[in-house]
C-alpha atoms as a PDB file:
ATOM      1  CA  UNK A   1       0.000   0.000   0.000  1.00  0.00           C
ATOM      2  CA  UNK A   2       1.230   3.426  -0.893  1.00  0.00           C
ATOM      3  CA  UNK A   3       1.509   5.916   1.954  1.00  0.00           C
ATOM      4  CA  UNK A   4      -0.172   9.317   1.551  1.00  0.00           C
ATOM      5  CA  UNK A   5       3.171  11.140   1.781  1.00  0.00           C
ATOM      6  CA  UNK A   6       4.424   9.189  -1.252  1.00  0.00           C
ATOM      7  CA  UNK A   7       1.242  10.124  -3.121  1.00  0.00           C
ATOM      8  CA  UNK A   8       1.711  13.786  -2.192  1.00  0.00           C
ATOM      9  CA  UNK A   9       5.284  13.573  -3.512  1.00  0.00           C
ATOM     10  CA  UNK A  10       3.987  12.164  -6.812  1.00  0.00           C
ATOM     11  CA  UNK A  11       1.526  15.054  -7.025  1.00  0.00           C
ATOM     12  CA  UNK A  12       4.257  17.608  -6.404  1.00  0.00           C
ATOM     13  CA  UNK A  13       6.501  15.943  -9.027  1.00  0.00           C
ATOM     14  CA  UNK A  14       3.660  16.451 -11.505  1.00  0.00           C
ATOM     15  CA  UNK A  15       3.394  20.130 -10.622  1.00  0.00           C
ATOM     16  CA  UNK A  16       0.228  19.775  -8.554  1.00  0.00           C
ATOM     17  CA  UNK A  17      -0.428  21.197  -5.095  1.00  0.00           C
ATOM     18  CA  UNK A  18      -1.791  18.409  -2.876  1.00  0.00           C
ATOM     19  CA  UNK A  19      -2.226  20.532   0.246  1.00  0.00           C
ATOM     20  CA  UNK A  20      -3.807  18.554   3.091  1.00  0.00           C
ATOM     21  CA  UNK A  21      -5.982  16.299   0.927  1.00  0.00           C
ATOM     22  CA  UNK A  22      -6.756  12.864   2.295  1.00  0.00           C
ATOM     23  CA  UNK A  23      -5.611   9.808   0.354  1.00  0.00           C
ATOM     24  CA  UNK A  24      -8.925   9.188  -1.427  1.00  0.00           C
ATOM     25  CA  UNK A  25      -9.312  12.828  -2.487  1.00  0.00           C
ATOM     26  CA  UNK A  26      -5.696  13.077  -3.562  1.00  0.00           C
ATOM     27  CA  UNK A  27      -5.733   9.970  -5.735  1.00  0.00           C
ATOM     28  CA  UNK A  28      -8.986  11.030  -7.408  1.00  0.00           C
ATOM     29  CA  UNK A  29      -7.441  14.475  -8.007  1.00  0.00           C
ATOM     30  CA  UNK A  30      -4.419  12.823  -9.633  1.00  0.00           C
ATOM     31  CA  UNK A  31      -6.690  10.599 -11.721  1.00  0.00           C
ATOM     32  CA  UNK A  32      -8.559  13.665 -12.964  1.00  0.00           C
ATOM     33  CA  UNK A  33      -5.330  15.496 -13.798  1.00  0.00           C
ATOM     34  CA  UNK A  34      -4.143  12.424 -15.737  1.00  0.00           C
ATOM     35  CA  UNK A  35      -7.356  12.442 -17.771  1.00  0.00           C
ATOM     36  CA  UNK A  36      -8.491   9.164 -16.218  1.00  0.00           C
ATOM     37  CA  UNK A  37     -11.794   8.321 -14.550  1.00  0.00           C
ATOM     38  CA  UNK A  38     -11.947   9.404 -10.905  1.00  0.00           C
ATOM     39  CA  UNK A  39     -12.805   5.902  -9.795  1.00  0.00           C
ATOM     40  CA  UNK A  40     -10.494   5.256  -6.824  1.00  0.00           C
ATOM     41  CA  UNK A  41     -12.196   3.085  -4.161  1.00  0.00           C
ATOM     42  CA  UNK A  42     -15.298   2.479  -6.272  1.00  0.00           C
ATOM     43  CA  UNK A  43     -14.509  -1.151  -7.216  1.00  0.00           C
ATOM     44  CA  UNK A  44     -17.050  -2.431  -4.694  1.00  0.00           C
ATOM     45  CA  UNK A  45     -17.376  -5.797  -6.408  1.00  0.00           C
ATOM     46  CA  UNK A  46     -13.602  -6.137  -6.883  1.00  0.00           C
ATOM     47  CA  UNK A  47     -13.829  -5.682 -10.630  1.00  0.00           C
ATOM     48  CA  UNK A  48     -11.869  -3.029 -12.509  1.00  0.00           C
ATOM     49  CA  UNK A  49     -10.859  -2.714 -16.145  1.00  0.00           C
ATOM     50  CA  UNK A  50      -7.986  -0.303 -15.389  1.00  0.00           C
ATOM     51  CA  UNK A  51      -5.265  -2.959 -15.318  1.00  0.00           C
ATOM     52  CA  UNK A  52      -2.305  -0.553 -15.514  1.00  0.00           C
ATOM     53  CA  UNK A  53      -3.578   1.788 -12.801  1.00  0.00           C
ATOM     54  CA  UNK A  54      -0.927   2.887 -10.322  1.00  0.00           C
ATOM     55  CA  UNK A  55      -3.537   2.883  -7.551  1.00  0.00           C
ATOM     56  CA  UNK A  56      -5.089  -0.544  -8.255  1.00  0.00           C
ATOM     57  CA  UNK A  57      -3.915  -2.377  -5.107  1.00  0.00           C
ATOM     58  CA  UNK A  58      -4.851   0.517  -2.819  1.00  0.00           C
ATOM     59  CA  UNK A  59      -8.158   0.924  -4.644  1.00  0.00           C
ATOM     60  CA  UNK A  60      -9.464  -2.544  -3.864  1.00  0.00           C
ATOM     61  CA  UNK A  61      -8.464  -2.277  -0.209  1.00  0.00           C
ATOM     62  CA  UNK A  62     -10.050   1.174   0.134  1.00  0.00           C
ATOM     63  CA  UNK A  63     -13.239   0.025  -1.586  1.00  0.00           C
ATOM     64  CA  UNK A  64     -13.564  -2.913   0.842  1.00  0.00           C
ATOM     65  CA  UNK A  65     -13.102  -0.569   3.834  1.00  0.00           C
ATOM     66  CA  UNK A  66     -15.522   2.056   2.555  1.00  0.00           C
ATOM     67  CA  UNK A  67     -18.267  -0.306   1.463  1.00  0.00           C
ATOM     68  CA  UNK A  68     -18.230  -2.998   4.144  1.00  0.00           C
END
């Protein structure tokens, strides 16, 4: 699982200002900036067609926590 500080560093490397966003908000912000669907933590049924997504592992875990 990727720590939020690492995600903030990725955002800064891409010229974005992550501020104090929480992990879910930050990843969805990055997804939007990449031109991808803002779908982090929505794979409730464990199905996702975004096979190359950097956030895939964290996404499934977050979805289980949010929707259980």
